[in-house]
Amino acid sequence: MKNRLQASMIAIVAMIAAAALAAAPATAKDSKKTPASHKSAAAAAASMGHVPAVQEAPKRGQHDEKPGPAWRTVGGTVKEIKDNAYTVEDFEGNQVKLYVGQGTKYIKQKQIGDTVRAEITRGGFANSIQ
């Protein structure tokens, strides 16, 4: 009698588990409904409104001469200052050249050996140096 009861309980649990597994994909599909579907990438882009163009990378040997959209942040130690160019060695040992000008925001003038953090444009112009 006890074996029969255990066998029937196992069968009931197995049937409940199978029903739950069968229902799971249907409920997951319902939860991922999108508010609007677009038939093409152009239609999707048009629904987003104006998307700004990405600034083209400058050619080798050229750099930005005025502030612009921030591309990345560089942190490291100033190794060289020559005219309006700072050479900074980042924390991974890479040398990065930053260009400064009237549009650069300084907290204070930097000297060789100072640790800096700079927000730069794609062309290497430092929007700000801290």
C-alpha atoms as a PDB file:
ATOM      1  CA  MET A   1       0.000   0.000   0.000  1.00  0.00           C
ATOM      2  CA  LYS A   2       2.817   2.381   0.933  1.00  0.00           C
ATOM      3  CA  ASN A   3       4.630   1.695  -2.369  1.00  0.00           C
ATOM      4  CA  ARG A   4       1.446   2.382  -4.317  1.00  0.00           C
ATOM      5  CA  LEU A   5       0.961   5.714  -2.523  1.00  0.00           C
ATOM      6  CA  GLN A   6       4.574   6.756  -3.236  1.00  0.00           C
ATOM      7  CA  ALA A   7       4.237   5.764  -6.903  1.00  0.00           C
ATOM      8  CA  SER A   8       1.042   7.768  -7.304  1.00  0.00           C
ATOM      9  CA  MET A   9       2.597  10.818  -5.577  1.00  0.00           C
ATOM     10  CA  ILE A  10       5.607  10.632  -7.901  1.00  0.00           C
ATOM     11  CA  ALA A  11       3.273  10.413 -10.895  1.00  0.00           C
ATOM     12  CA  ILE A  12       1.254  13.440  -9.710  1.00  0.00           C
ATOM     13  CA  VAL A  13       4.407  15.527  -9.112  1.00  0.00           C
ATOM     14  CA  ALA A  14       5.740  14.536 -12.554  1.00  0.00           C
ATOM     15  CA  MET A  15       2.477  15.578 -14.226  1.00  0.00           C
ATOM     16  CA  ILE A  16       2.497  18.966 -12.441  1.00  0.00           C
ATOM     17  CA  ALA A  17       6.133  19.543 -13.442  1.00  0.00           C
ATOM     18  CA  ALA A  18       5.382  18.650 -17.067  1.00  0.00           C
ATOM     19  CA  ALA A  19       2.414  21.031 -17.122  1.00  0.00           C
ATOM     20  CA  ALA A  20       4.536  23.841 -15.636  1.00  0.00           C
ATOM     21  CA  LEU A  21       7.272  23.301 -18.236  1.00  0.00           C
ATOM     22  CA  ALA A  22       4.733  23.299 -21.053  1.00  0.00           C
ATOM     23  CA  ALA A  23       3.176  26.565 -19.824  1.00  0.00           C
ATOM     24  CA  ALA A  24       6.484  28.411 -19.197  1.00  0.00           C
ATOM     25  CA  PRO A  25       7.324  29.303 -22.845  1.00  0.00           C
ATOM     26  CA  ALA A  26       3.812  30.634 -23.419  1.00  0.00           C
ATOM     27  CA  THR A  27       3.973  32.936 -20.405  1.00  0.00           C
ATOM     28  CA  ALA A  28       7.517  34.083 -21.256  1.00  0.00           C
ATOM     29  CA  LYS A  29       6.441  34.977 -24.784  1.00  0.00           C
ATOM     30  CA  ASP A  30       3.565  37.103 -23.462  1.00  0.00           C
ATOM     31  CA  SER A  31       5.840  39.074 -21.117  1.00  0.00           C
ATOM     32  CA  LYS A  32       8.201  40.199 -23.912  1.00  0.00           C
ATOM     33  CA  LYS A  33       5.677  42.050 -26.050  1.00  0.00           C
ATOM     34  CA  THR A  34       7.025  45.253 -27.557  1.00  0.00           C
ATOM     35  CA  PRO A  35       4.857  48.363 -27.789  1.00  0.00           C
ATOM     36  CA  ALA A  36       5.451  48.793 -31.509  1.00  0.00           C
ATOM     37  CA  SER A  37       7.112  46.640 -34.112  1.00  0.00           C
ATOM     38  CA  HIS A  38       8.955  48.085 -37.082  1.00  0.00           C
ATOM     39  CA  LYS A  39       9.396  46.344 -40.376  1.00  0.00           C
ATOM     40  CA  SER A  40      12.764  47.941 -41.124  1.00  0.00           C
ATOM     41  CA  ALA A  41      15.715  49.591 -39.456  1.00  0.00           C
ATOM     42  CA  ALA A  42      14.880  52.834 -41.277  1.00  0.00           C
ATOM     43  CA  ALA A  43      11.402  52.879 -39.759  1.00  0.00           C
ATOM     44  CA  ALA A  44      12.871  52.207 -36.312  1.00  0.00           C
ATOM     45  CA  ALA A  45      15.402  55.037 -36.731  1.00  0.00           C
ATOM     46  CA  ALA A  46      12.697  57.404 -37.940  1.00  0.00           C
ATOM     47  CA  SER A  47      10.611  56.702 -34.846  1.00  0.00           C
ATOM     48  CA  MET A  48      13.541  57.683 -32.588  1.00  0.00           C
ATOM     49  CA  GLY A  49      13.686  61.235 -33.908  1.00  0.00           C
ATOM     50  CA  HIS A  50      16.950  63.052 -34.562  1.00  0.00           C
ATOM     51  CA  VAL A  51      20.071  60.982 -33.936  1.00  0.00           C
ATOM     52  CA  PRO A  52      23.310  63.023 -33.916  1.00  0.00           C
ATOM     53  CA  ALA A  53      26.014  62.027 -36.351  1.00  0.00           C
ATOM     54  CA  VAL A  54      29.159  60.449 -34.922  1.00  0.00           C
ATOM     55  CA  GLN A  55      32.219  62.612 -35.267  1.00  0.00           C
ATOM     56  CA  GLU A  56      34.718  61.150 -37.706  1.00  0.00           C
ATOM     57  CA  ALA A  57      38.127  60.232 -36.305  1.00  0.00           C
ATOM     58  CA  PRO A  58      40.873  62.639 -37.376  1.00  0.00           C
ATOM     59  CA  LYS A  59      43.565  61.459 -39.749  1.00  0.00           C
ATOM     60  CA  ARG A  60      46.955  60.444 -38.362  1.00  0.00           C
ATOM     61  CA  GLY A  61      48.971  63.494 -37.308  1.00  0.00           C
ATOM     62  CA  GLN A  62      45.874  65.704 -37.033  1.00  0.00           C
ATOM     63  CA  HIS A  63      44.054  66.634 -33.850  1.00  0.00           C
ATOM     64  CA  ASP A  64      41.112  68.687 -32.684  1.00  0.00           C
ATOM     65  CA  GLU A  65      41.830  72.324 -31.880  1.00  0.00           C
ATOM     66  CA  LYS A  66      38.643  73.137 -29.985  1.00  0.00           C
ATOM     67  CA  PRO A  67      36.298  71.457 -27.495  1.00  0.00           C
ATOM     68  CA  GLY A  68      33.792  68.969 -28.796  1.00  0.00           C
ATOM     69  CA  PRO A  69      31.798  65.905 -27.805  1.00  0.00           C
ATOM     70  CA  ALA A  70      33.593  63.877 -25.134  1.00  0.00           C
ATOM     71  CA  TRP A  71      34.916  60.589 -26.513  1.00  0.00           C
ATOM     72  CA  ARG A  72      36.587  59.120 -23.434  1.00  0.00           C
ATOM     73  CA  THR A  73      38.286  59.896 -20.146  1.00  0.00           C
ATOM     74  CA  VAL A  74      42.025  59.407 -19.730  1.00  0.00           C
ATOM     75  CA  GLY A  75      43.758  59.179 -16.372  1.00  0.00           C
ATOM     76  CA  GLY A  76      47.479  58.950 -15.703  1.00  0.00           C
ATOM     77  CA  THR A  77      50.718  60.801 -15.066  1.00  0.00           C
ATOM     78  CA  VAL A  78      51.992  63.759 -17.102  1.00  0.00           C
ATOM     79  CA  LYS A  79      55.289  62.711 -18.728  1.00  0.00           C
ATOM     80  CA  GLU A  80      55.933  65.638 -21.083  1.00  0.00           C
ATOM     81  CA  ILE A  81      54.548  69.106 -21.822  1.00  0.00           C
ATOM     82  CA  LYS A  82      55.470  70.625 -25.179  1.00  0.00           C
ATOM     83  CA  ASP A  83      53.651  73.746 -26.438  1.00  0.00           C
ATOM     84  CA  ASN A  84      49.949  72.862 -26.267  1.00  0.00           C
ATOM     85  CA  ALA A  85      50.432  69.076 -26.043  1.00  0.00           C
ATOM     86  CA  TYR A  86      50.579  66.986 -22.883  1.00  0.00           C
ATOM     87  CA  THR A  87      51.899  63.433 -23.048  1.00  0.00           C
ATOM     88  CA  VAL A  88      50.158  61.354 -20.397  1.00  0.00           C
ATOM     89  CA  GLU A  89      51.058  57.793 -19.440  1.00  0.00           C
ATOM     90  CA  ASP A  90      47.865  56.046 -18.393  1.00  0.00           C
ATOM     91  CA  PHE A  91      47.647  53.509 -15.584  1.00  0.00           C
ATOM     92  CA  GLU A  92      48.199  50.628 -18.035  1.00  0.00           C
ATOM     93  CA  GLY A  93      51.444  52.119 -19.386  1.00  0.00           C
ATOM     94  CA  ASN A  94      50.035  53.514 -22.669  1.00  0.00           C
ATOM     95  CA  GLN A  95      51.141  56.991 -23.793  1.00  0.00           C
ATOM     96  CA  VAL A  96      48.320  59.331 -24.809  1.00  0.00           C
ATOM     97  CA  LYS A  97      48.804  62.798 -26.308  1.00  0.00           C
ATOM     98  CA  LEU A  98      46.329  65.465 -25.163  1.00  0.00           C
ATOM     99  CA  TYR A  99      45.984  68.853 -26.803  1.00  0.00           C
ATOM    100  CA  VAL A 100      44.910  71.905 -24.801  1.00  0.00           C
ATOM    101  CA  GLY A 101      43.690  75.331 -25.830  1.00  0.00           C
ATOM    102  CA  GLN A 102      41.463  78.217 -24.785  1.00  0.00           C
ATOM    103  CA  GLY A 103      38.468  75.900 -24.484  1.00  0.00           C
ATOM    104  CA  THR A 104      40.159  73.555 -22.007  1.00  0.00           C
ATOM    105  CA  LYS A 105      38.870  73.816 -18.434  1.00  0.00           C
ATOM    106  CA  TYR A 106      41.665  73.577 -15.846  1.00  0.00           C
ATOM    107  CA  ILE A 107      41.434  73.307 -12.102  1.00  0.00           C
ATOM    108  CA  LYS A 108      45.085  74.391 -12.011  1.00  0.00           C
ATOM    109  CA  GLN A 109      48.088  74.323 -14.375  1.00  0.00           C
ATOM    110  CA  LYS A 110      49.691  70.892 -14.569  1.00  0.00           C
ATOM    111  CA  GLN A 111      53.368  70.029 -14.367  1.00  0.00           C
ATOM    112  CA  ILE A 112      55.401  66.972 -15.282  1.00  0.00           C
ATOM    113  CA  GLY A 113      54.767  64.228 -12.716  1.00  0.00           C
ATOM    114  CA  ASP A 114      51.231  65.366 -11.824  1.00  0.00           C
ATOM    115  CA  THR A 115      48.449  62.808 -11.877  1.00  0.00           C
ATOM    116  CA  VAL A 116      45.643  63.956 -14.152  1.00  0.00           C
ATOM    117  CA  ARG A 117      42.230  62.942 -15.391  1.00  0.00           C
ATOM    118  CA  ALA A 118      41.144  64.440 -18.702  1.00  0.00           C
ATOM    119  CA  GLU A 119      37.979  64.262 -20.753  1.00  0.00           C
ATOM    120  CA  ILE A 120      39.074  64.208 -24.402  1.00  0.00           C
ATOM    121  CA  THR A 121      37.475  64.419 -27.818  1.00  0.00           C
ATOM    122  CA  ARG A 122      38.020  61.807 -30.503  1.00  0.00           C
ATOM    123  CA  GLY A 123      40.764  64.050 -31.909  1.00  0.00           C
ATOM    124  CA  GLY A 124      42.631  64.235 -28.588  1.00  0.00           C
ATOM    125  CA  PHE A 125      41.580  67.741 -27.475  1.00  0.00           C
ATOM    126  CA  ALA A 126      41.194  67.962 -23.706  1.00  0.00           C
ATOM    127  CA  ASN A 127      37.816  69.465 -22.843  1.00  0.00           C
ATOM    128  CA  SER A 128      38.896  69.470 -19.197  1.00  0.00           C
ATOM    129  CA  ILE A 129      41.931  68.462 -17.121  1.00  0.00           C
ATOM    130  CA  GLN A 130      41.668  67.830 -13.401  1.00  0.00           C
END
